[in-house]
Protein backbone atom coordinates (compact mmCIF):
# COMPACT_ATOMS: atom_id res chain seq x y z
CA UNK A 1 -12.02 -99.51 3.09
CA UNK A 2 -8.21 -98.60 2.72
CA UNK A 3 -7.18 -99.95 -0.18
CA UNK A 4 -3.34 -98.85 0.70
CA UNK A 5 -3.35 -100.74 4.32
CA UNK A 6 -5.16 -104.31 2.95
CA UNK A 7 -2.28 -104.16 0.46
CA UNK A 8 0.45 -106.77 0.47
CA UNK A 9 3.31 -105.14 -0.93
CA UNK A 10 5.94 -108.25 0.06
CA UNK A 11 7.95 -108.72 -3.13
CA UNK A 12 7.17 -105.71 -4.29
CA UNK A 13 9.24 -102.43 -5.73
CA UNK A 14 6.71 -99.43 -4.67
CA UNK A 15 7.41 -96.45 -6.07
CA UNK A 16 6.21 -93.43 -3.88
CA UNK A 17 5.24 -90.14 -5.10
CA UNK A 18 6.09 -88.29 -1.52
CA UNK A 19 5.79 -84.17 -1.06
CA UNK A 20 9.61 -83.70 0.47
CA UNK A 21 9.12 -79.79 -0.22
CA UNK A 22 10.67 -78.98 3.53
CA UNK A 23 11.85 -75.65 4.33
CA UNK A 24 15.77 -75.95 4.17
CA UNK A 25 17.67 -73.33 5.74
CA UNK A 26 21.41 -73.05 5.66
CA UNK A 27 21.44 -76.64 4.92
CA UNK A 28 19.40 -77.65 7.83
CA UNK A 29 15.47 -78.75 7.79
CA UNK A 30 14.25 -76.32 9.70
CA UNK A 31 10.37 -78.13 9.54
CA UNK A 32 9.85 -82.39 9.04
CA UNK A 33 6.54 -82.12 8.96
CA UNK A 34 5.68 -83.09 5.42
CA UNK A 35 7.97 -86.17 5.60
CA UNK A 36 6.77 -87.22 9.78
CA UNK A 37 3.51 -87.39 7.78
CA UNK A 38 4.63 -89.78 5.10
CA UNK A 39 7.01 -92.22 6.94
CA UNK A 40 3.83 -94.39 8.03
CA UNK A 41 3.34 -94.98 4.37
CA UNK A 42 6.81 -95.90 3.89
CA UNK A 43 7.03 -98.10 7.14
CA UNK A 44 4.03 -100.60 5.76
CA UNK A 45 5.16 -101.15 2.78
CA UNK A 46 8.95 -102.35 4.36
CA UNK A 47 7.22 -103.99 7.63
CA UNK A 48 5.20 -105.98 4.66
CA UNK A 49 8.48 -106.86 2.57
CA UNK A 50 8.33 -104.59 -0.01
CA UNK A 51 10.97 -102.14 -0.95
CA UNK A 52 10.20 -98.31 -1.44
CA UNK A 53 11.61 -96.18 -4.32
CA UNK A 54 10.97 -92.46 -3.12
CA UNK A 55 10.18 -89.77 -5.38
CA UNK A 56 9.61 -85.57 -4.53
CA UNK A 57 10.21 -81.91 -6.25
CA UNK A 58 11.95 -79.43 -3.88
CA UNK A 59 11.20 -76.06 -5.22
CA UNK A 60 11.40 -74.94 -8.44
CA UNK A 61 14.96 -75.17 -9.42
CA UNK A 62 14.97 -74.60 -13.11
CA UNK A 63 12.54 -71.69 -12.77
CA UNK A 64 14.97 -69.86 -9.97
CA UNK A 65 18.49 -70.41 -12.05
CA UNK A 66 16.70 -69.61 -15.02
CA UNK A 67 16.28 -66.15 -13.39
CA UNK A 68 19.71 -66.42 -11.27
CA UNK A 69 22.04 -68.67 -13.27
CA UNK A 70 25.06 -67.97 -10.69
CA UNK A 71 22.91 -69.85 -8.42
CA UNK A 72 23.99 -73.30 -7.35
CA UNK A 73 22.24 -76.06 -8.45
CA UNK A 74 23.05 -78.09 -5.04
CA UNK A 75 20.67 -75.75 -3.41
CA UNK A 76 18.31 -77.94 -5.24
CA UNK A 77 19.48 -81.13 -4.46
CA UNK A 78 17.12 -83.96 -2.19
CA UNK A 79 20.66 -85.61 -1.56
CA UNK A 80 20.12 -83.03 1.36
CA UNK A 81 17.79 -85.01 3.42
CA UNK A 82 18.87 -88.48 2.36
CA UNK A 83 20.35 -88.57 5.75
CA UNK A 84 17.08 -87.52 7.82
CA UNK A 85 14.48 -89.74 5.52
CA UNK A 86 17.50 -92.51 6.76
CA UNK A 87 16.56 -91.35 10.57
CA UNK A 88 13.07 -91.25 10.26
CA UNK A 89 13.15 -94.64 8.63
CA UNK A 90 15.40 -96.03 10.54
CA UNK A 91 17.18 -97.86 7.70
CA UNK A 92 19.75 -97.21 4.75
CA UNK A 93 18.63 -94.76 2.48
CA UNK A 94 20.21 -95.25 -0.94
CA UNK A 95 20.23 -92.07 -3.96
CA UNK A 96 20.48 -92.04 -7.93
CA UNK A 97 21.43 -88.78 -9.18
CA UNK A 98 19.25 -88.95 -12.16
CA UNK A 99 15.53 -90.06 -11.90
CA UNK A 100 15.43 -92.20 -14.87
CA UNK A 101 19.12 -92.32 -15.97
CA UNK A 102 21.14 -95.17 -16.06
CA UNK A 103 22.16 -95.08 -12.02
CA UNK A 104 18.56 -95.35 -10.94
CA UNK A 105 17.58 -98.26 -12.79
CA UNK A 106 20.47 -100.37 -11.95
CA UNK A 107 19.65 -99.11 -8.41
CA UNK A 108 15.86 -99.39 -8.56
CA UNK A 109 17.00 -103.22 -9.66
CA UNK A 110 18.87 -104.63 -7.41
CA UNK A 111 16.73 -103.03 -4.65
CA UNK A 112 15.81 -105.75 -1.69
CA UNK A 113 13.22 -106.33 0.43
CA UNK A 114 13.34 -103.34 2.96
CA UNK A 115 15.46 -101.09 1.02
CA UNK A 116 14.58 -97.59 0.41
CA UNK A 117 16.18 -95.39 -2.94
CA UNK A 118 15.46 -91.84 -2.93
CA UNK A 119 15.26 -90.36 -6.66
CA UNK A 120 16.80 -86.64 -7.30
CA UNK A 121 14.81 -83.71 -7.31
CA UNK A 122 11.87 -84.15 -10.25
CA UNK A 123 11.65 -81.15 -11.16
CA UNK A 124 15.42 -80.82 -12.45
CA UNK A 125 14.16 -81.59 -15.44
CA UNK A 126 11.40 -79.60 -17.42
CA UNK A 127 9.54 -83.03 -18.22
CA UNK A 128 7.99 -83.49 -14.72
CA UNK A 129 5.88 -79.74 -14.39
CA UNK A 130 5.00 -80.51 -17.92
CA UNK A 131 3.42 -83.70 -17.79
CA UNK A 132 6.04 -85.41 -20.22
CA UNK A 133 4.10 -89.00 -20.91
CA UNK A 134 7.73 -90.71 -22.32
CA UNK A 135 9.42 -89.44 -18.28
CA UNK A 136 6.26 -90.23 -16.63
CA UNK A 137 6.54 -93.81 -18.44
CA UNK A 138 10.65 -94.31 -17.79
CA UNK A 139 9.38 -93.40 -13.33
CA UNK A 140 6.94 -96.31 -13.83
CA UNK A 141 9.44 -99.02 -15.06
CA UNK A 142 11.26 -98.19 -12.30
CA UNK A 143 8.49 -100.69 -10.15
CA UNK A 144 5.54 -102.72 -10.15
CA UNK A 145 3.32 -100.60 -7.67
CA UNK A 146 2.68 -97.07 -7.90
CA UNK A 147 1.56 -94.88 -4.74
CA UNK A 148 0.63 -91.43 -4.60
CA UNK A 149 0.78 -90.03 -0.68
CA UNK A 150 1.78 -86.18 -2.11
CA UNK A 151 -1.30 -84.49 -1.52
CA UNK A 152 -0.25 -81.23 -1.15
CA UNK A 153 1.23 -81.94 -5.20
CA UNK A 154 -2.69 -83.16 -6.09
CA UNK A 155 -3.80 -80.10 -7.97
CA UNK A 156 -0.76 -80.95 -10.27
CA UNK A 157 -1.01 -82.39 -13.23
CA UNK A 158 3.04 -83.11 -13.49
CA UNK A 159 4.14 -86.18 -15.12
CA UNK A 160 5.00 -87.59 -10.85
CA UNK A 161 1.59 -86.17 -9.41
CA UNK A 162 -0.85 -87.55 -12.88
CA UNK A 163 0.62 -88.93 -16.18
CA UNK A 164 2.55 -91.75 -14.14
CA UNK A 165 -0.60 -93.51 -12.99
CA UNK A 166 -2.15 -94.69 -16.55
CA UNK A 167 1.14 -96.87 -16.60
CA UNK A 168 -0.46 -99.08 -14.22
CA UNK A 169 -3.55 -101.30 -14.03
CA UNK A 170 -5.67 -100.42 -11.23
CA UNK A 171 -5.10 -103.08 -8.33
CA UNK A 172 -1.12 -101.85 -8.40
CA UNK A 173 -2.11 -97.85 -8.17
CA UNK A 174 -3.71 -96.65 -5.08
CA UNK A 175 -3.56 -93.57 -2.26
CA UNK A 176 -1.00 -93.77 0.42
CA UNK A 177 -1.89 -93.67 3.62
CA UNK A 178 -2.09 -89.72 3.89
CA UNK A 179 -3.58 -89.10 1.36
CA UNK A 180 -6.27 -91.52 2.20
CA UNK A 181 -6.69 -89.26 5.11
CA UNK A 182 -6.94 -85.95 3.39
CA UNK A 183 -9.30 -86.82 0.90
CA UNK A 184 -11.04 -88.35 4.21
CA UNK A 185 -11.61 -85.55 5.78
CA UNK A 186 -12.39 -83.12 2.18
CA UNK A 187 -15.34 -85.13 2.11
CA UNK A 188 -16.37 -85.57 5.02
CA UNK A 189 -16.69 -81.43 5.01
CA UNK A 190 -17.87 -81.61 1.86
CA UNK A 191 -19.98 -84.45 1.30
CA UNK A 192 -21.07 -85.72 4.68
CA UNK A 193 -21.91 -81.96 5.79
CA UNK A 194 -23.66 -81.87 9.57
CA UNK A 195 -24.72 -78.79 10.31
CA UNK A 196 -23.98 -75.78 11.45
CA UNK A 197 -21.71 -75.88 9.10
CA UNK A 198 -19.00 -73.21 9.43
CA UNK A 199 -16.39 -71.76 6.91
CA UNK A 200 -14.17 -69.50 8.57
CA UNK A 201 -12.28 -67.61 5.50
CA UNK A 202 -9.17 -65.45 5.86
CA UNK A 203 -6.44 -64.21 4.36
CA UNK A 204 -5.43 -60.01 2.47
CA UNK A 205 -7.34 -61.02 -1.06
CA UNK A 206 -10.88 -61.57 -1.68
CA UNK A 207 -9.57 -62.46 -5.40
CA UNK A 208 -7.50 -65.19 -3.57
CA UNK A 209 -11.06 -66.79 -2.22
CA UNK A 210 -13.21 -66.00 -4.43
CA UNK A 211 -14.62 -69.41 -6.31
CA UNK A 212 -14.17 -71.31 -2.75
CA UNK A 213 -16.58 -68.51 -0.92
CA UNK A 214 -18.52 -69.27 -4.31
CA UNK A 215 -18.73 -73.20 -3.56
CA UNK A 216 -19.16 -72.89 -0.48
CA UNK A 217 -22.36 -70.95 -0.54
CA UNK A 218 -23.77 -74.30 -1.62
CA UNK A 219 -22.68 -75.78 1.16
CA UNK A 220 -22.15 -73.84 4.23
CA UNK A 221 -25.34 -72.44 6.56
CA UNK A 222 -22.51 -69.49 8.23
CA UNK A 223 -19.25 -68.17 6.53
CA UNK A 224 -17.13 -66.50 8.51
CA UNK A 225 -14.97 -63.75 6.42
CA UNK A 226 -11.64 -61.99 8.60
CA UNK A 227 -8.66 -60.79 7.56
CA UNK A 228 -7.59 -58.36 5.22
CA UNK A 229 -9.49 -59.20 2.60
CA UNK A 230 -12.56 -58.41 4.28
CA UNK A 231 -12.03 -54.67 4.07
CA UNK A 232 -12.71 -54.68 0.64
CA UNK A 233 -16.72 -56.00 1.90
CA UNK A 234 -16.43 -53.13 3.64
CA UNK A 235 -15.83 -50.16 0.77
CA UNK A 236 -18.15 -52.19 -1.11
CA UNK A 237 -20.46 -51.50 2.12
CA UNK A 238 -19.91 -47.87 1.61
CA UNK A 239 -17.56 -47.72 4.65
CA UNK A 240 -14.47 -45.50 5.54
CA UNK A 241 -11.47 -48.06 5.78
CA UNK A 242 -8.99 -45.54 5.28
CA UNK A 243 -5.71 -47.43 4.90
CA UNK A 244 -6.99 -51.14 5.14
CA UNK A 245 -5.96 -53.06 2.81
CA UNK A 246 -8.37 -53.52 -0.13
CA UNK A 247 -8.78 -55.02 -3.82
CA UNK A 248 -11.00 -51.88 -5.14
CA UNK A 249 -11.44 -53.88 -8.59
CA UNK A 250 -12.80 -56.28 -6.59
CA UNK A 251 -15.78 -54.34 -4.94
CA UNK A 252 -18.21 -55.26 -7.58
CA UNK A 253 -17.22 -58.99 -6.42
CA UNK A 254 -18.24 -58.49 -2.88
CA UNK A 255 -20.95 -57.27 -3.49
CA UNK A 256 -22.00 -60.11 -5.87
CA UNK A 257 -21.29 -62.41 -2.82
CA UNK A 258 -22.81 -60.63 -0.31
CA UNK A 259 -26.08 -61.06 -2.65
CA UNK A 260 -25.73 -64.05 -3.63
CA UNK A 261 -25.21 -65.16 0.38
CA UNK A 262 -28.38 -63.04 1.09
CA UNK A 263 -30.30 -65.73 -1.79
CA UNK A 264 -29.42 -68.53 -0.05
CA UNK A 265 -30.01 -67.85 3.23
CA UNK A 266 -26.40 -68.09 4.17
CA UNK A 267 -25.51 -65.99 7.25
CA UNK A 268 -21.95 -64.42 6.43
CA UNK A 269 -20.49 -62.78 9.13
CA UNK A 270 -18.29 -59.64 9.16
CA UNK A 271 -15.91 -58.10 11.83
CA UNK A 272 -17.70 -55.41 13.38
CA UNK A 273 -14.41 -54.11 15.30
CA UNK A 274 -11.10 -53.71 14.01
CA UNK A 275 -7.92 -53.65 16.04
CA UNK A 276 -6.18 -50.71 13.81
CA UNK A 277 -3.02 -49.61 13.78
CA UNK A 278 -1.15 -45.95 12.32
CA UNK A 279 1.78 -48.86 10.51
CA UNK A 280 2.37 -51.84 9.15
CA UNK A 281 5.08 -52.74 11.54
CA UNK A 282 5.25 -54.69 14.84
CA UNK A 283 5.79 -51.44 17.12
CA UNK A 284 3.05 -50.12 15.85
CA UNK A 285 0.19 -47.95 17.71
CA UNK A 286 -2.75 -49.68 18.08
CA UNK A 287 -6.51 -48.77 18.85
CA UNK A 288 -9.69 -50.90 18.05
CA UNK A 289 -12.49 -49.01 15.64
CA UNK A 290 -15.63 -49.83 14.53
CA UNK A 291 -14.38 -51.68 11.05
CA UNK A 292 -16.68 -49.69 8.79
CA UNK A 293 -15.19 -46.38 10.59
CA UNK A 294 -11.57 -46.81 10.86
CA UNK A 295 -9.96 -42.93 11.39
CA UNK A 296 -8.11 -41.07 8.72
CA UNK A 297 -4.29 -42.66 8.27
CA UNK A 298 -4.72 -46.35 10.17
CA UNK A 299 -5.21 -49.62 8.55
CA UNK A 300 -7.13 -52.32 10.23
CA UNK A 301 -4.82 -55.46 11.28
CA UNK A 302 -7.16 -57.74 12.98
CA UNK A 303 -10.43 -58.44 14.18
CA UNK A 304 -11.38 -56.68 17.60
CA UNK A 305 -13.27 -58.33 20.38
CA UNK A 306 -16.77 -58.00 19.37
CA UNK A 307 -15.86 -59.53 16.22
CA UNK A 308 -14.00 -62.42 18.30
CA UNK A 309 -17.20 -62.87 20.33
CA UNK A 310 -19.34 -62.78 17.53
CA UNK A 311 -17.31 -65.57 15.41
CA UNK A 312 -16.87 -67.73 18.31
CA UNK A 313 -19.95 -67.56 19.40
CA UNK A 314 -21.45 -69.19 15.33
CA UNK A 315 -17.93 -71.65 15.42
CA UNK A 316 -18.78 -72.93 18.83
CA UNK A 317 -22.66 -73.55 17.25
CA UNK A 318 -21.33 -75.63 14.80
CA UNK A 319 -21.33 -78.88 13.71
CA UNK A 320 -18.75 -78.70 10.89
CA UNK A 321 -16.27 -76.00 10.88
CA UNK A 322 -13.59 -75.72 7.89
CA UNK A 323 -10.54 -72.92 8.58
CA UNK A 324 -9.04 -71.87 5.71
CA UNK A 325 -6.79 -68.47 6.34
CA UNK A 326 -6.07 -66.46 9.37
CA UNK A 327 -8.05 -63.25 10.97
CA UNK A 328 -5.41 -60.73 10.77
CA UNK A 329 -1.34 -60.75 10.88
CA UNK A 330 -0.99 -63.18 13.86
CA UNK A 331 2.86 -63.17 12.64
CA UNK A 332 2.72 -59.75 14.79
CA UNK A 333 2.14 -60.00 18.47
CA UNK A 334 -0.09 -57.32 18.55
CA UNK A 335 -2.13 -58.30 15.72
CA UNK A 336 -2.98 -62.27 16.51
CA UNK A 337 -5.74 -62.50 19.21
CA UNK A 338 -8.21 -62.43 17.00
CA UNK A 339 -6.66 -65.68 15.29
CA UNK A 340 -5.85 -67.20 18.21
CA UNK A 341 -9.55 -66.70 19.94
CA UNK A 342 -10.96 -68.38 16.58
CA UNK A 343 -8.39 -71.46 17.07
CA UNK A 344 -9.40 -70.95 20.57
CA UNK A 345 -13.34 -71.56 19.49
CA UNK A 346 -12.85 -74.15 16.84
CA UNK A 347 -10.93 -76.58 19.78
CA UNK A 348 -13.93 -75.60 22.04
CA UNK A 349 -16.13 -76.82 19.40
CA UNK A 350 -14.43 -80.34 18.00
CA UNK A 351 -14.59 -81.07 21.76
CA UNK A 352 -18.46 -80.86 21.76
CA UNK A 353 -18.21 -82.92 18.80
CA UNK A 354 -17.87 -80.48 15.91
CA UNK A 355 -15.60 -82.14 12.70
CA UNK A 356 -12.86 -79.50 12.08
CA UNK A 357 -10.70 -78.96 9.02
CA UNK A 358 -8.03 -76.69 8.91
CA UNK A 359 -6.37 -76.29 5.99
CA UNK A 360 -4.19 -73.89 3.84
CA UNK A 361 -0.81 -72.69 4.71
CA UNK A 362 -1.22 -69.79 6.85
CA UNK A 363 -4.13 -71.17 9.26
CA UNK A 364 -2.02 -74.42 9.17
CA UNK A 365 1.09 -72.13 11.31
CA UNK A 366 -1.32 -70.46 13.17
CA UNK A 367 -2.82 -73.53 14.65
CA UNK A 368 0.67 -75.03 15.12
CA UNK A 369 2.00 -71.75 16.59
CA UNK A 370 -0.34 -71.94 19.40
CA UNK A 371 -0.12 -75.62 19.83
CA UNK A 372 -3.95 -76.51 18.93
CA UNK A 373 -2.86 -78.41 16.11
CA UNK A 374 -3.98 -82.16 18.26
CA UNK A 375 -6.70 -80.06 19.46
CA UNK A 376 -8.58 -80.31 15.76
CA UNK A 377 -10.26 -82.69 13.44
CA UNK A 378 -7.62 -82.52 11.21
CA UNK A 379 -5.18 -80.58 10.10
CA UNK A 380 -4.41 -80.70 5.97
CA UNK A 381 -0.76 -80.71 4.59
CA UNK A 382 -1.90 -79.53 1.13
CA UNK A 383 -2.15 -75.57 0.80
CA UNK A 384 -2.85 -74.63 -2.78
CA UNK A 385 -4.49 -78.58 -3.35
CA UNK A 386 -6.83 -78.14 -0.36
CA UNK A 387 -8.13 -75.12 -1.20
CA UNK A 388 -8.76 -76.27 -5.12
CA UNK A 389 -10.40 -78.97 -3.67
CA UNK A 390 -13.44 -76.82 -2.01
CA UNK A 391 -13.48 -74.58 -5.00
CA UNK A 392 -14.77 -77.34 -6.39
CA UNK A 393 -12.20 -78.45 -9.32
CA UNK A 394 -11.33 -81.89 -10.44
CA UNK A 395 -7.50 -82.69 -8.79
CA UNK A 396 -5.72 -84.45 -11.31
CA UNK A 397 -3.55 -86.50 -8.71
CA UNK A 398 -6.64 -87.74 -7.30
CA UNK A 399 -8.41 -88.52 -10.82
CA UNK A 400 -5.32 -90.15 -12.27
CA UNK A 401 -5.75 -93.05 -9.20
CA UNK A 402 -9.63 -93.41 -9.06
CA UNK A 403 -9.82 -93.87 -13.03
């Protein structure tokens, strides 16, 4: 049962942590997906007769300006999204230039039913990322209720994502609709799993995915390995991968993961063949080869046709699917076939009743690129947070609400 949906925000000032860290180029938002994802939460509060104080970060301004003191702070201000937020909510949005300063206190105190106040980028001060209690307490004093709807930052123990919850009683702190949906989808995969359960893990590096693979070995019946990380496994097996991406310091790790999978009876699928190229470029010469017999001077940049067929068969037979990471360099047209084939298999399995969760920036970008976002069960907005959840870690932003 949704605590948020059943809560009456009438007469309440809701302090809502969102993730509006949206891409901006030349002053214009290029993708407002994260903003639109939080709108139902904000509108529910306003419809109830409450008011909203919106908190978010954008980028890492202090780090960037330390590297280059000539950088303009205005390139990081949340004022750039004020008008678009007003458009999405169809209401005026006020702005406070200091999240805990005198202006913010006055504007929050004067906020009327149905009004919205957007606070300046929380990362303009070092106190946010440091999880400073005094800063968190000052933020908390602005509102009556705390709502965390920022799953993308749930793995950070920052002032506005975790520490702030200490200053609200249990009945006045909760997840927003987006956060609830993210947690429900993740828990459905890990704790309410229907088998066969296939985890599709791609991307460049084994080192980035060791923990998630180890944790999934206790849950999944099948694990599909694709992308550049597959070649570390092939080299560990004694294969010739030529110029393909490889982490030589992770060969022993790859062998241990394969041994663990065998011990636990988990079927570890590696791509039998690859689309290979003579260079890492969109105009490269391409061919196909067995993944353990890549010609000298060539490199694997996508999974081959046989791998597509084998992987697709396993996916279509699954009842639960987790997809994190692409099968190749899908940004280049010549090397997108494998990722697209996997996406199509996930879509077909979903149509046949499987629960499918796509998480991780590149996987999400792929399903969006191919137009399949509405054809899978759930597309996560939280890359790092989702990854850490599936690694088995406790996320501070979730734990703080559940205390």
